[in-house]
C-alpha atoms as a PDB file:
ATOM      1  CA  MET A   1     383.119  71.989 223.452  1.00  0.00           C
ATOM      2  CA  LEU A   2     380.514  72.181 226.559  1.00  0.00           C
ATOM      3  CA  VAL A   3     377.349  70.698 225.089  1.00  0.00           C
ATOM      4  CA  ASP A   4     379.787  67.591 224.385  1.00  0.00           C
ATOM      5  CA  ARG A   5     381.105  67.367 227.829  1.00  0.00           C
ATOM      6  CA  ILE A   6     377.775  67.544 229.092  1.00  0.00           C
ATOM      7  CA  ASN A   7     376.215  65.268 226.924  1.00  0.00           C
ATOM      8  CA  GLY A   8     379.032  62.450 227.989  1.00  0.00           C
ATOM      9  CA  ALA A   9     378.317  63.248 231.743  1.00  0.00           C
ATOM     10  CA  ALA A  10     374.691  62.755 230.991  1.00  0.00           C
ATOM     11  CA  ARG A  11     375.358  59.445 229.708  1.00  0.00           C
ATOM     12  CA  HIS A  12     376.907  58.077 232.998  1.00  0.00           C
ATOM     13  CA  VAL A  13     374.096  59.453 235.302  1.00  0.00           C
ATOM     14  CA  PRO A  14     371.544  57.128 236.252  1.00  0.00           C
ATOM     15  CA  THR A  15     367.668  57.595 235.847  1.00  0.00           C
ATOM     16  CA  TRP A  16     367.055  56.606 239.412  1.00  0.00           C
ATOM     17  CA  VAL A  17     369.436  59.753 240.527  1.00  0.00           C
ATOM     18  CA  VAL A  18     367.016  61.856 238.869  1.00  0.00           C
ATOM     19  CA  TYR A  19     363.814  60.538 240.424  1.00  0.00           C
ATOM     20  CA  ILE A  20     365.623  60.774 244.144  1.00  0.00           C
ATOM     21  CA  VAL A  21     366.808  64.298 243.369  1.00  0.00           C
ATOM     22  CA  CYS A  22     363.511  65.305 241.808  1.00  0.00           C
ATOM     23  CA  LEU A  23     361.624  63.685 244.738  1.00  0.00           C
ATOM     24  CA  LEU A  24     363.568  65.237 247.824  1.00  0.00           C
ATOM     25  CA  PRO A  25     361.248  68.041 248.216  1.00  0.00           C
ATOM     26  CA  VAL A  26     358.258  65.598 249.014  1.00  0.00           C
ATOM     27  CA  PRO A  27     359.711  64.916 252.622  1.00  0.00           C
ATOM     28  CA  LEU A  28     360.746  68.183 253.146  1.00  0.00           C
ATOM     29  CA  LEU A  29     357.746  70.070 251.959  1.00  0.00           C
ATOM     30  CA  LEU A  30     355.953  67.733 254.440  1.00  0.00           C
ATOM     31  CA  TYR A  31     358.293  68.801 257.412  1.00  0.00           C
ATOM     32  CA  MET A  32     357.864  72.306 256.578  1.00  0.00           C
ATOM     33  CA  ALA A  33     353.866  71.835 256.640  1.00  0.00           C
ATOM     34  CA  GLN A  34     354.212  69.952 259.726  1.00  0.00           C
ATOM     35  CA  THR A  35     356.886  72.683 261.654  1.00  0.00           C
ATOM     36  CA  GLY A  36     354.917  75.740 260.353  1.00  0.00           C
ATOM     37  CA  GLY A  37     357.472  76.586 257.429  1.00  0.00           C
ATOM     38  CA  LEU A  38     354.733  77.021 255.185  1.00  0.00           C
ATOM     39  CA  GLY A  39     352.765  79.822 256.879  1.00  0.00           C
ATOM     40  CA  ARG A  40     349.557  79.918 258.285  1.00  0.00           C
ATOM     41  CA  GLU A  41     347.970  77.650 255.675  1.00  0.00           C
ATOM     42  CA  PRO A  42     350.058  74.743 255.588  1.00  0.00           C
ATOM     43  CA  ILE A  43     347.574  73.145 253.406  1.00  0.00           C
ATOM     44  CA  LYS A  44     347.066  75.500 251.001  1.00  0.00           C
ATOM     45  CA  ALA A  45     350.952  76.355 250.874  1.00  0.00           C
ATOM     46  CA  LEU A  46     351.476  72.417 250.427  1.00  0.00           C
ATOM     47  CA  GLU A  47     349.014  72.118 247.822  1.00  0.00           C
ATOM     48  CA  HIS A  48     350.169  75.410 245.849  1.00  0.00           C
ATOM     49  CA  GLU A  49     354.168  73.898 245.889  1.00  0.00           C
ATOM     50  CA  LEU A  50     353.059  70.136 244.434  1.00  0.00           C
ATOM     51  CA  GLY A  51     351.058  71.947 242.293  1.00  0.00           C
ATOM     52  CA  GLU A  52     353.879  74.229 240.859  1.00  0.00           C
ATOM     53  CA  ILE A  53     356.698  71.913 240.558  1.00  0.00           C
ATOM     54  CA  ALA A  54     354.476  69.608 238.720  1.00  0.00           C
ATOM     55  CA  LEU A  55     354.299  72.448 236.117  1.00  0.00           C
ATOM     56  CA  GLN A  56     357.935  73.003 236.069  1.00  0.00           C
ATOM     57  CA  LEU A  57     358.966  69.502 235.524  1.00  0.00           C
ATOM     58  CA  LEU A  58     356.216  69.567 232.227  1.00  0.00           C
ATOM     59  CA  LEU A  59     357.928  72.587 231.622  1.00  0.00           C
ATOM     60  CA  VAL A  60     361.343  71.205 231.620  1.00  0.00           C
ATOM     61  CA  GLY A  61     360.027  67.730 229.924  1.00  0.00           C
ATOM     62  CA  LEU A  62     358.955  70.043 227.208  1.00  0.00           C
ATOM     63  CA  CYS A  63     362.619  71.857 226.930  1.00  0.00           C
ATOM     64  CA  ILE A  64     364.358  68.634 226.177  1.00  0.00           C
ATOM     65  CA  THR A  65     363.272  68.193 222.732  1.00  0.00           C
ATOM     66  CA  PRO A  66     364.368  71.978 221.855  1.00  0.00           C
ATOM     67  CA  LEU A  67     367.599  71.734 223.334  1.00  0.00           C
ATOM     68  CA  ARG A  68     368.559  68.625 221.323  1.00  0.00           C
ATOM     69  CA  ARG A  69     367.100  70.269 217.885  1.00  0.00           C
ATOM     70  CA  PHE A  70     368.741  73.228 218.589  1.00  0.00           C
ATOM     71  CA  GLY A  71     371.368  73.434 221.002  1.00  0.00           C
ATOM     72  CA  GLY A  72     372.828  70.007 220.477  1.00  0.00           C
ATOM     73  CA  LEU A  73     372.043  69.325 224.213  1.00  0.00           C
ATOM     74  CA  ASN A  74     370.631  65.451 224.600  1.00  0.00           C
ATOM     75  CA  LEU A  75     368.895  64.619 227.499  1.00  0.00           C
ATOM     76  CA  LEU A  76     366.387  62.249 225.754  1.00  0.00           C
ATOM     77  CA  ARG A  77     367.250  59.603 228.359  1.00  0.00           C
ATOM     78  CA  PHE A  78     365.756  61.285 230.950  1.00  0.00           C
ATOM     79  CA  ARG A  79     362.347  62.863 229.519  1.00  0.00           C
ATOM     80  CA  ARG A  80     360.183  59.681 230.693  1.00  0.00           C
ATOM     81  CA  ALA A  81     361.539  59.872 233.876  1.00  0.00           C
ATOM     82  CA  ILE A  82     360.864  63.600 234.513  1.00  0.00           C
ATOM     83  CA  GLY A  83     357.399  63.157 232.477  1.00  0.00           C
ATOM     84  CA  LEU A  84     356.219  60.133 235.447  1.00  0.00           C
ATOM     85  CA  LEU A  85     357.621  62.606 237.895  1.00  0.00           C
ATOM     86  CA  ALA A  86     355.537  65.530 236.423  1.00  0.00           C
ATOM     87  CA  PHE A  87     352.668  63.271 236.761  1.00  0.00           C
ATOM     88  CA  VAL A  88     353.809  62.249 240.485  1.00  0.00           C
ATOM     89  CA  TYR A  89     353.675  65.746 241.868  1.00  0.00           C
ATOM     90  CA  VAL A  90     350.401  66.353 240.034  1.00  0.00           C
ATOM     91  CA  ALA A  91     348.988  63.468 241.924  1.00  0.00           C
ATOM     92  CA  LEU A  92     350.265  64.820 245.071  1.00  0.00           C
ATOM     93  CA  HIS A  93     348.688  68.164 244.524  1.00  0.00           C
ATOM     94  CA  LEU A  94     345.231  66.663 243.786  1.00  0.00           C
ATOM     95  CA  LEU A  95     345.181  64.314 247.031  1.00  0.00           C
ATOM     96  CA  VAL A  96     346.121  67.332 249.373  1.00  0.00           C
ATOM     97  CA  TRP A  97     343.619  69.591 247.520  1.00  0.00           C
ATOM     98  CA  ALA A  98     341.090  66.594 247.776  1.00  0.00           C
ATOM     99  CA  VAL A  99     341.840  64.758 251.219  1.00  0.00           C
ATOM    100  CA  LEU A 100     343.543  67.497 253.244  1.00  0.00           C
ATOM    101  CA  ASP A 101     341.512  70.826 252.065  1.00  0.00           C
ATOM    102  CA  VAL A 102     338.171  69.815 250.778  1.00  0.00           C
ATOM    103  CA  GLN A 103     338.035  66.469 252.794  1.00  0.00           C
ATOM    104  CA  ALA A 104     334.443  65.539 251.205  1.00  0.00           C
ATOM    105  CA  LEU A 105     333.453  63.418 248.128  1.00  0.00           C
ATOM    106  CA  ASP A 106     330.609  65.180 247.101  1.00  0.00           C
ATOM    107  CA  ARG A 107     332.247  68.724 247.621  1.00  0.00           C
ATOM    108  CA  VAL A 108     335.399  67.474 245.716  1.00  0.00           C
ATOM    109  CA  TRP A 109     333.072  66.870 242.691  1.00  0.00           C
ATOM    110  CA  ALA A 110     330.919  70.047 243.081  1.00  0.00           C
ATOM    111  CA  ASP A 111     334.412  71.742 242.713  1.00  0.00           C
ATOM    112  CA  ILE A 112     335.514  70.276 239.688  1.00  0.00           C
ATOM    113  CA  VAL A 113     331.870  70.998 238.035  1.00  0.00           C
ATOM    114  CA  LYS A 114     331.539  74.495 239.373  1.00  0.00           C
ATOM    115  CA  ARG A 115     335.086  76.205 239.326  1.00  0.00           C
ATOM    116  CA  PRO A 116     336.480  76.162 235.710  1.00  0.00           C
ATOM    117  CA  TYR A 117     340.294  76.265 237.080  1.00  0.00           C
ATOM    118  CA  ILE A 118     339.358  73.234 238.885  1.00  0.00           C
ATOM    119  CA  THR A 119     338.014  71.712 235.849  1.00  0.00           C
ATOM    120  CA  ILE A 120     341.010  72.583 233.777  1.00  0.00           C
ATOM    121  CA  GLY A 121     343.098  71.274 236.405  1.00  0.00           C
ATOM    122  CA  MET A 122     341.258  67.886 236.572  1.00  0.00           C
ATOM    123  CA  SER A 123     341.418  67.672 232.777  1.00  0.00           C
ATOM    124  CA  ALA A 124     345.162  67.909 232.435  1.00  0.00           C
ATOM    125  CA  PHE A 125     345.300  65.521 234.638  1.00  0.00           C
ATOM    126  CA  VAL A 126     342.986  63.178 232.924  1.00  0.00           C
ATOM    127  CA  LEU A 127     345.110  63.703 230.159  1.00  0.00           C
ATOM    128  CA  MET A 128     347.886  62.676 231.869  1.00  0.00           C
ATOM    129  CA  LEU A 129     346.595  58.909 232.880  1.00  0.00           C
ATOM    130  CA  PRO A 130     347.192  57.414 229.513  1.00  0.00           C
ATOM    131  CA  LEU A 131     350.804  59.367 229.358  1.00  0.00           C
ATOM    132  CA  ALA A 132     351.678  57.905 232.775  1.00  0.00           C
ATOM    133  CA  ALA A 133     350.334  54.367 232.322  1.00  0.00           C
ATOM    134  CA  THR A 134     352.215  54.188 228.767  1.00  0.00           C
ATOM    135  CA  SER A 135     355.370  55.446 229.776  1.00  0.00           C
ATOM    136  CA  ASN A 136     357.222  51.920 229.584  1.00  0.00           C
ATOM    137  CA  ASN A 137     359.058  49.656 227.489  1.00  0.00           C
ATOM    138  CA  TRP A 138     356.379  47.436 226.501  1.00  0.00           C
ATOM    139  CA  SER A 139     353.863  50.043 225.522  1.00  0.00           C
ATOM    140  CA  VAL A 140     356.478  51.715 223.565  1.00  0.00           C
ATOM    141  CA  ARG A 141     357.034  48.164 221.645  1.00  0.00           C
ATOM    142  CA  LYS A 142     353.356  47.290 221.468  1.00  0.00           C
ATOM    143  CA  LEU A 143     351.951  51.068 220.449  1.00  0.00           C
ATOM    144  CA  GLY A 144     354.667  51.885 217.745  1.00  0.00           C
ATOM    145  CA  VAL A 145     354.024  54.735 216.051  1.00  0.00           C
ATOM    146  CA  ARG A 146     350.698  55.822 218.323  1.00  0.00           C
ATOM    147  CA  TRP A 147     352.937  55.619 221.368  1.00  0.00           C
ATOM    148  CA  ARG A 148     354.031  58.867 219.625  1.00  0.00           C
ATOM    149  CA  LYS A 149     350.642  60.265 218.521  1.00  0.00           C
ATOM    150  CA  LEU A 150     349.413  59.286 222.257  1.00  0.00           C
ATOM    151  CA  HIS A 151     352.260  61.315 223.568  1.00  0.00           C
ATOM    152  CA  THR A 152     351.902  64.453 222.160  1.00  0.00           C
ATOM    153  CA  LEU A 153     348.793  64.924 224.970  1.00  0.00           C
ATOM    154  CA  THR A 154     352.082  66.166 226.722  1.00  0.00           C
ATOM    155  CA  TYR A 155     351.387  69.515 225.376  1.00  0.00           C
ATOM    156  CA  ALA A 156     347.933  69.916 225.931  1.00  0.00           C
ATOM    157  CA  VAL A 157     348.781  68.846 229.541  1.00  0.00           C
ATOM    158  CA  ALA A 158     351.227  71.588 229.668  1.00  0.00           C
ATOM    159  CA  LEU A 159     348.925  74.613 228.558  1.00  0.00           C
ATOM    160  CA  LEU A 160     345.846  73.052 230.647  1.00  0.00           C
ATOM    161  CA  GLY A 161     348.395  73.316 233.396  1.00  0.00           C
ATOM    162  CA  ALA A 162     349.626  76.516 232.770  1.00  0.00           C
ATOM    163  CA  LEU A 163     345.971  78.047 232.320  1.00  0.00           C
ATOM    164  CA  HIS A 164     345.170  76.271 235.948  1.00  0.00           C
ATOM    165  CA  PHE A 165     348.040  78.468 237.375  1.00  0.00           C
ATOM    166  CA  VAL A 166     346.834  81.286 235.970  1.00  0.00           C
ATOM    167  CA  TRP A 167     343.195  81.173 236.403  1.00  0.00           C
ATOM    168  CA  LEU A 168     343.489  80.409 240.112  1.00  0.00           C
ATOM    169  CA  ALA A 169     345.406  83.469 240.608  1.00  0.00           C
ATOM    170  CA  LYS A 170     343.677  86.263 242.693  1.00  0.00           C
ATOM    171  CA  GLY A 171     343.575  88.918 240.352  1.00  0.00           C
ATOM    172  CA  VAL A 172     346.575  89.298 238.039  1.00  0.00           C
ATOM    173  CA  GLN A 173     349.738  88.120 238.813  1.00  0.00           C
ATOM    174  CA  ILE A 174     352.936  87.980 237.718  1.00  0.00           C
ATOM    175  CA  GLU A 175     354.044  84.799 238.046  1.00  0.00           C
ATOM    176  CA  PRO A 176     351.250  82.687 236.675  1.00  0.00           C
ATOM    177  CA  ILE A 177     351.403  84.967 233.693  1.00  0.00           C
ATOM    178  CA  ILE A 178     355.044  84.043 232.919  1.00  0.00           C
ATOM    179  CA  TYR A 179     354.694  80.421 233.727  1.00  0.00           C
ATOM    180  CA  LEU A 180     351.663  80.522 231.171  1.00  0.00           C
ATOM    181  CA  THR A 181     354.029  82.832 228.460  1.00  0.00           C
ATOM    182  CA  ILE A 182     356.896  80.204 228.761  1.00  0.00           C
ATOM    183  CA  THR A 183     354.342  76.929 227.908  1.00  0.00           C
ATOM    184  CA  ILE A 184     353.031  78.955 225.022  1.00  0.00           C
ATOM    185  CA  GLY A 185     357.039  79.741 224.077  1.00  0.00           C
ATOM    186  CA  LEU A 186     357.974  76.255 224.359  1.00  0.00           C
ATOM    187  CA  LEU A 187     354.628  74.803 222.164  1.00  0.00           C
ATOM    188  CA  LEU A 188     355.667  77.293 219.453  1.00  0.00           C
ATOM    189  CA  LEU A 189     359.582  76.330 219.437  1.00  0.00           C
ATOM    190  CA  ARG A 190     358.704  72.517 218.949  1.00  0.00           C
ATOM    191  CA  MET A 191     356.328  73.849 215.607  1.00  0.00           C
ATOM    192  CA  THR A 192     359.990  75.846 214.772  1.00  0.00           C
ATOM    193  CA  PRO A 193     361.269  73.454 212.132  1.00  0.00           C
ATOM    194  CA  LYS A 194     364.826  73.094 212.561  1.00  0.00           C
ATOM    195  CA  ARG A 195     367.432  75.062 210.273  1.00  0.00           C
ATOM    196  CA  ARG A 196     369.601  73.391 207.786  1.00  0.00           C
ATOM    197  CA  ARG A 197     373.083  74.037 208.032  1.00  0.00           C
ATOM    198  CA  ALA A 198     374.756  75.886 205.154  1.00  0.00           C
ATOM    199  CA  VAL A 199     376.968  73.475 202.931  1.00  0.00           C
END
C-alpha cells in the first residue's frame, strides 16, 4: 500500500532534514528583501511571509494526528520539529515587526494594547513559549500526563493565529478566511472519534 511505503520512507528520514528544509525560506526571503524581490515594502512583505509560513506549519502539525487516525499515515516523529519550527517563524515574524517595522519599544507596547489583531497575535506567541520550552525529552518524562495537557495549547495557538491573519487583513479577503476555515475544520476533525472497523 502507498501509506505503508510512505511510513517506511518516513522512518528513514532524519529529523534534522525537516529543520533544514523548513528553514530554507528564511535566507531566501532575506535575500529577496535586500534585492527588491519583495516589492515596494519589503519589511511588510517579509513580516507577512514569515507569519504565513508559521501558520502553515501550525496547520501541518494539526494534520499529523488526523492523518494517522483516519489515514494510517504515521508522521508523529516529525510533529515536535514542526512545532518548534512554527515557533521559530512566529518569533522571526515578531522580530521583523518590532525591530524593523515599529522600531520603538513604547510603540510596540502601544500597538499590543490598542490593536486587537496584534493583541491576538501576541497572545498566540505567549502561549507558544511554554510549548517551545517543554519540547524536549526531559520535559516529556518530567511532566508525564501534564505534558500532553499542556500541549493542547497548540489548538488555541492555531486558532488565534488564524484569527490574527483574518483580523489584520484589510476588508474581506479570501486567503485568511480559507486559513481560518481549515483551522476550524482540523480542530473539529481532532474531536471526531475514530470509527471502529467492522468485524
